Amino acid sequence: MATGVVWEIMKFVGDVLFGTTMQYGLSDTVADLFWNLVGASIAAVVGQRYLKPYKNKLS
């Protein structure tokens, strides 16, 4: 999630400072952050299930 937020900030700064057209509006930013959340949630669930058998070994 943090990487996605940093990327959105970099796109905004690039548009402001260099006149690029990387930002397509608020809906683009919200959609990007939504899909970042979906990906992070999937990674958290998969990671938790993967590490569950190692619970006693890791503590």
PDB file of N, CA and C in Angstrom:
ATOM      1  N   MET A   1       0.818  -1.190   0.000  1.00  0.00           N
ATOM      2  CA  MET A   1       0.000   0.000   0.000  1.00  0.00           C
ATOM      3  C   MET A   1       0.860   1.252   0.000  1.00  0.00           C
ATOM      4  N   ALA A   2       1.892   1.245   0.815  1.00  0.00           N
ATOM      5  CA  ALA A   2       2.738   2.437   0.901  1.00  0.00           C
ATOM      6  C   ALA A   2       3.423   2.719  -0.427  1.00  0.00           C
ATOM      7  N   THR A   3       3.820   1.665  -1.117  1.00  0.00           N
ATOM      8  CA  THR A   3       4.465   1.850  -2.418  1.00  0.00           C
ATOM      9  C   THR A   3       3.497   2.494  -3.403  1.00  0.00           C
ATOM     10  N   GLY A   4       2.241   2.075  -3.370  1.00  0.00           N
ATOM     11  CA  GLY A   4       1.234   2.659  -4.246  1.00  0.00           C
ATOM     12  C   GLY A   4       0.996   4.130  -3.953  1.00  0.00           C
ATOM     13  N   VAL A   5       0.988   4.482  -2.685  1.00  0.00           N
ATOM     14  CA  VAL A   5       0.806   5.886  -2.299  1.00  0.00           C
ATOM     15  C   VAL A   5       1.990   6.719  -2.769  1.00  0.00           C
ATOM     16  N   VAL A   6       3.203   6.198  -2.568  1.00  0.00           N
ATOM     17  CA  VAL A   6       4.400   6.921  -3.025  1.00  0.00           C
ATOM     18  C   VAL A   6       4.356   7.093  -4.539  1.00  0.00           C
ATOM     19  N   TRP A   7       3.928   6.060  -5.257  1.00  0.00           N
ATOM     20  CA  TRP A   7       3.833   6.154  -6.717  1.00  0.00           C
ATOM     21  C   TRP A   7       2.843   7.245  -7.126  1.00  0.00           C
ATOM     22  N   GLU A   8       1.701   7.314  -6.474  1.00  0.00           N
ATOM     23  CA  GLU A   8       0.717   8.348  -6.796  1.00  0.00           C
ATOM     24  C   GLU A   8       1.282   9.741  -6.523  1.00  0.00           C
ATOM     25  N   ILE A   9       2.021   9.891  -5.443  1.00  0.00           N
ATOM     26  CA  ILE A   9       2.648  11.184  -5.141  1.00  0.00           C
ATOM     27  C   ILE A   9       3.670  11.532  -6.213  1.00  0.00           C
ATOM     28  N   MET A  10       4.458  10.547  -6.647  1.00  0.00           N
ATOM     29  CA  MET A  10       5.451  10.797  -7.699  1.00  0.00           C
ATOM     30  C   MET A  10       4.777  11.205  -9.005  1.00  0.00           C
ATOM     31  N   LYS A  11       3.639  10.586  -9.332  1.00  0.00           N
ATOM     32  CA  LYS A  11       2.910  10.969 -10.541  1.00  0.00           C
ATOM     33  C   LYS A  11       2.430  12.413 -10.440  1.00  0.00           C
ATOM     34  N   PHE A  12       1.899  12.779  -9.284  1.00  0.00           N
ATOM     35  CA  PHE A  12       1.421  14.142  -9.079  1.00  0.00           C
ATOM     36  C   PHE A  12       2.561  15.150  -9.196  1.00  0.00           C
ATOM     37  N   VAL A  13       3.668  14.872  -8.519  1.00  0.00           N
ATOM     38  CA  VAL A  13       4.821  15.777  -8.556  1.00  0.00           C
ATOM     39  C   VAL A  13       5.361  15.889  -9.978  1.00  0.00           C
ATOM     40  N   GLY A  14       5.417  14.780 -10.693  1.00  0.00           N
ATOM     41  CA  GLY A  14       5.874  14.814 -12.083  1.00  0.00           C
ATOM     42  C   GLY A  14       4.993  15.695 -12.950  1.00  0.00           C
ATOM     43  N   ASP A  15       3.692  15.611 -12.744  1.00  0.00           N
ATOM     44  CA  ASP A  15       2.772  16.452 -13.507  1.00  0.00           C
ATOM     45  C   ASP A  15       2.949  17.928 -13.180  1.00  0.00           C
ATOM     46  N   VAL A  16       3.121  18.236 -11.901  1.00  0.00           N
ATOM     47  CA  VAL A  16       3.247  19.632 -11.483  1.00  0.00           C
ATOM     48  C   VAL A  16       4.582  20.226 -11.930  1.00  0.00           C
ATOM     49  N   LEU A  17       5.664  19.504 -11.700  1.00  0.00           N
ATOM     50  CA  LEU A  17       6.991  20.061 -11.975  1.00  0.00           C
ATOM     51  C   LEU A  17       7.407  19.975 -13.437  1.00  0.00           C
ATOM     52  N   PHE A  18       7.042  18.876 -14.098  1.00  0.00           N
ATOM     53  CA  PHE A  18       7.556  18.638 -15.442  1.00  0.00           C
ATOM     54  C   PHE A  18       6.491  18.672 -16.527  1.00  0.00           C
ATOM     55  N   GLY A  19       5.250  18.880 -16.150  1.00  0.00           N
ATOM     56  CA  GLY A  19       4.179  18.986 -17.128  1.00  0.00           C
ATOM     57  C   GLY A  19       3.814  17.667 -17.789  1.00  0.00           C
ATOM     58  N   THR A  20       4.127  16.547 -17.144  1.00  0.00           N
ATOM     59  CA  THR A  20       3.747  15.251 -17.704  1.00  0.00           C
ATOM     60  C   THR A  20       2.245  15.052 -17.547  1.00  0.00           C
ATOM     61  N   THR A  21       1.720  14.027 -18.158  1.00  0.00           N
ATOM     62  CA  THR A  21       0.285  13.730 -18.058  1.00  0.00           C
ATOM     63  C   THR A  21       0.085  12.324 -17.500  1.00  0.00           C
ATOM     64  N   MET A  22       0.685  12.081 -16.356  1.00  0.00           N
ATOM     65  CA  MET A  22       0.568  10.762 -15.735  1.00  0.00           C
ATOM     66  C   MET A  22      -0.698  10.639 -14.898  1.00  0.00           C
ATOM     67  N   GLN A  23      -1.216  11.751 -14.398  1.00  0.00           N
ATOM     68  CA  GLN A  23      -2.446  11.757 -13.615  1.00  0.00           C
ATOM     69  C   GLN A  23      -3.614  11.997 -14.563  1.00  0.00           C
ATOM     70  N   TYR A  24      -4.602  11.117 -14.514  1.00  0.00           N
ATOM     71  CA  TYR A  24      -5.779  11.278 -15.362  1.00  0.00           C
ATOM     72  C   TYR A  24      -6.993  11.742 -14.574  1.00  0.00           C
ATOM     73  N   GLY A  25      -6.784  12.125 -13.334  1.00  0.00           N
ATOM     74  CA  GLY A  25      -7.881  12.624 -12.530  1.00  0.00           C
ATOM     75  C   GLY A  25      -8.047  11.845 -11.248  1.00  0.00           C
ATOM     76  N   LEU A  26      -8.999  12.288 -10.461  1.00  0.00           N
ATOM     77  CA  LEU A  26      -9.244  11.681  -9.157  1.00  0.00           C
ATOM     78  C   LEU A  26      -9.683  10.228  -9.282  1.00  0.00           C
ATOM     79  N   SER A  27     -10.499   9.920 -10.286  1.00  0.00           N
ATOM     80  CA  SER A  27     -10.973   8.538 -10.436  1.00  0.00           C
ATOM     81  C   SER A  27      -9.818   7.583 -10.716  1.00  0.00           C
ATOM     82  N   ASP A  28      -8.796   8.027 -11.447  1.00  0.00           N
ATOM     83  CA  ASP A  28      -7.613   7.207 -11.709  1.00  0.00           C
ATOM     84  C   ASP A  28      -6.866   6.923 -10.415  1.00  0.00           C
ATOM     85  N   THR A  29      -6.689   7.944  -9.596  1.00  0.00           N
ATOM     86  CA  THR A  29      -5.980   7.784  -8.327  1.00  0.00           C
ATOM     87  C   THR A  29      -6.744   6.855  -7.392  1.00  0.00           C
ATOM     88  N   VAL A  30      -8.042   7.048  -7.289  1.00  0.00           N
ATOM     89  CA  VAL A  30      -8.853   6.208  -6.409  1.00  0.00           C
ATOM     90  C   VAL A  30      -8.840   4.761  -6.891  1.00  0.00           C
ATOM     91  N   ALA A  31      -8.946   4.544  -8.193  1.00  0.00           N
ATOM     92  CA  ALA A  31      -8.906   3.182  -8.729  1.00  0.00           C
ATOM     93  C   ALA A  31      -7.556   2.528  -8.452  1.00  0.00           C
ATOM     94  N   ASP A  32      -6.474   3.260  -8.650  1.00  0.00           N
ATOM     95  CA  ASP A  32      -5.141   2.716  -8.366  1.00  0.00           C
ATOM     96  C   ASP A  32      -5.005   2.322  -6.900  1.00  0.00           C
ATOM     97  N   LEU A  33      -5.447   3.185  -6.002  1.00  0.00           N
ATOM     98  CA  LEU A  33      -5.341   2.888  -4.571  1.00  0.00           C
ATOM     99  C   LEU A  33      -6.266   1.742  -4.167  1.00  0.00           C
ATOM    100  N   PHE A  34      -7.425   1.642  -4.803  1.00  0.00           N
ATOM    101  CA  PHE A  34      -8.330   0.523  -4.536  1.00  0.00           C
ATOM    102  C   PHE A  34      -7.674  -0.798  -4.915  1.00  0.00           C
ATOM    103  N   TRP A  35      -7.069  -0.862  -6.100  1.00  0.00           N
ATOM    104  CA  TRP A  35      -6.421  -2.107  -6.526  1.00  0.00           C
ATOM    105  C   TRP A  35      -5.178  -2.398  -5.703  1.00  0.00           C
ATOM    106  N   ASN A  36      -4.511  -1.365  -5.210  1.00  0.00           N
ATOM    107  CA  ASN A  36      -3.410  -1.587  -4.263  1.00  0.00           C
ATOM    108  C   ASN A  36      -3.931  -2.261  -2.997  1.00  0.00           C
ATOM    109  N   LEU A  37      -5.075  -1.801  -2.509  1.00  0.00           N
ATOM    110  CA  LEU A  37      -5.682  -2.391  -1.318  1.00  0.00           C
ATOM    111  C   LEU A  37      -6.070  -3.846  -1.564  1.00  0.00           C
ATOM    112  N   VAL A  38      -6.646  -4.133  -2.714  1.00  0.00           N
ATOM    113  CA  VAL A  38      -7.026  -5.508  -3.052  1.00  0.00           C
ATOM    114  C   VAL A  38      -5.790  -6.408  -3.077  1.00  0.00           C
ATOM    115  N   GLY A  39      -4.741  -5.960  -3.747  1.00  0.00           N
ATOM    116  CA  GLY A  39      -3.514  -6.748  -3.822  1.00  0.00           C
ATOM    117  C   GLY A  39      -2.874  -6.964  -2.464  1.00  0.00           C
ATOM    118  N   ALA A  40      -2.847  -5.923  -1.646  1.00  0.00           N
ATOM    119  CA  ALA A  40      -2.268  -6.042  -0.308  1.00  0.00           C
ATOM    120  C   ALA A  40      -3.095  -6.989   0.563  1.00  0.00           C
ATOM    121  N   SER A  41      -4.399  -6.957   0.424  1.00  0.00           N
ATOM    122  CA  SER A  41      -5.265  -7.850   1.200  1.00  0.00           C
ATOM    123  C   SER A  41      -5.047  -9.305   0.806  1.00  0.00           C
ATOM    124  N   ILE A  42      -4.947  -9.560  -0.486  1.00  0.00           N
ATOM    125  CA  ILE A  42      -4.683 -10.920  -0.961  1.00  0.00           C
ATOM    126  C   ILE A  42      -3.326 -11.398  -0.461  1.00  0.00           C
ATOM    127  N   ALA A  43      -2.320 -10.548  -0.546  1.00  0.00           N
ATOM    128  CA  ALA A  43      -0.983 -10.917  -0.069  1.00  0.00           C
ATOM    129  C   ALA A  43      -0.994 -11.196   1.430  1.00  0.00           C
ATOM    130  N   ALA A  44      -1.760 -10.437   2.199  1.00  0.00           N
ATOM    131  CA  ALA A  44      -1.836 -10.653   3.645  1.00  0.00           C
ATOM    132  C   ALA A  44      -2.483 -11.994   3.967  1.00  0.00           C
ATOM    133  N   VAL A  45      -3.563 -12.331   3.270  1.00  0.00           N
ATOM    134  CA  VAL A  45      -4.248 -13.604   3.517  1.00  0.00           C
ATOM    135  C   VAL A  45      -3.359 -14.775   3.120  1.00  0.00           C
ATOM    136  N   VAL A  46      -2.754 -14.702   1.943  1.00  0.00           N
ATOM    137  CA  VAL A  46      -1.871 -15.778   1.481  1.00  0.00           C
ATOM    138  C   VAL A  46      -0.671 -15.914   2.416  1.00  0.00           C
ATOM    139  N   GLY A  47      -0.083 -14.795   2.806  1.00  0.00           N
ATOM    140  CA  GLY A  47       1.062 -14.833   3.711  1.00  0.00           C
ATOM    141  C   GLY A  47       0.714 -15.432   5.057  1.00  0.00           C
ATOM    142  N   GLN A  48      -0.445 -15.071   5.582  1.00  0.00           N
ATOM    143  CA  GLN A  48      -0.870 -15.610   6.874  1.00  0.00           C
ATOM    144  C   GLN A  48      -1.069 -17.118   6.782  1.00  0.00           C
ATOM    145  N   ARG A  49      -1.699 -17.581   5.725  1.00  0.00           N
ATOM    146  CA  ARG A  49      -1.929 -19.022   5.568  1.00  0.00           C
ATOM    147  C   ARG A  49      -0.621 -19.769   5.343  1.00  0.00           C
ATOM    148  N   TYR A  50       0.301 -19.146   4.639  1.00  0.00           N
ATOM    149  CA  TYR A  50       1.598 -19.779   4.390  1.00  0.00           C
ATOM    150  C   TYR A  50       2.405 -19.900   5.678  1.00  0.00           C
ATOM    151  N   LEU A  51       2.371 -18.875   6.518  1.00  0.00           N
ATOM    152  CA  LEU A  51       3.179 -18.861   7.736  1.00  0.00           C
ATOM    153  C   LEU A  51       2.522 -19.568   8.923  1.00  0.00           C
ATOM    154  N   LYS A  52       1.247 -19.880   8.839  1.00  0.00           N
ATOM    155  CA  LYS A  52       0.538 -20.484   9.971  1.00  0.00           C
ATOM    156  C   LYS A  52       1.205 -21.767  10.471  1.00  0.00           C
ATOM    157  N   PRO A  53       1.662 -22.689   9.602  1.00  0.00           N
ATOM    158  CA  PRO A  53       2.319 -23.902  10.106  1.00  0.00           C
ATOM    159  C   PRO A  53       3.616 -23.615  10.871  1.00  0.00           C
ATOM    160  N   TYR A  54       4.221 -22.478  10.650  1.00  0.00           N
ATOM    161  CA  TYR A  54       5.491 -22.129  11.289  1.00  0.00           C
ATOM    162  C   TYR A  54       5.307 -21.275  12.541  1.00  0.00           C
ATOM    163  N   LYS A  55       4.064 -21.156  13.013  1.00  0.00           N
ATOM    164  CA  LYS A  55       3.750 -20.258  14.126  1.00  0.00           C
ATOM    165  C   LYS A  55       4.626 -20.533  15.352  1.00  0.00           C
ATOM    166  N   ASN A  56       4.735 -21.772  15.759  1.00  0.00           N
ATOM    167  CA  ASN A  56       5.514 -22.108  16.959  1.00  0.00           C
ATOM    168  C   ASN A  56       7.014 -21.957  16.723  1.00  0.00           C
ATOM    169  N   LYS A  57       7.463 -22.208  15.507  1.00  0.00           N
ATOM    170  CA  LYS A  57       8.890 -22.114  15.206  1.00  0.00           C
ATOM    171  C   LYS A  57       9.367 -20.668  15.154  1.00  0.00           C
ATOM    172  N   LEU A  58       8.482 -19.749  14.769  1.00  0.00           N
ATOM    173  CA  LEU A  58       8.867 -18.349  14.611  1.00  0.00           C
ATOM    174  C   LEU A  58       8.791 -17.556  15.915  1.00  0.00           C
ATOM    175  N   SER A  59       8.066 -18.068  16.894  1.00  0.00           N
ATOM    176  CA  SER A  59       7.918 -17.300  18.139  1.00  0.00           C
ATOM    177  C   SER A  59       8.950 -17.649  19.179  1.00  0.00           C
TER     178      SER A  59
END
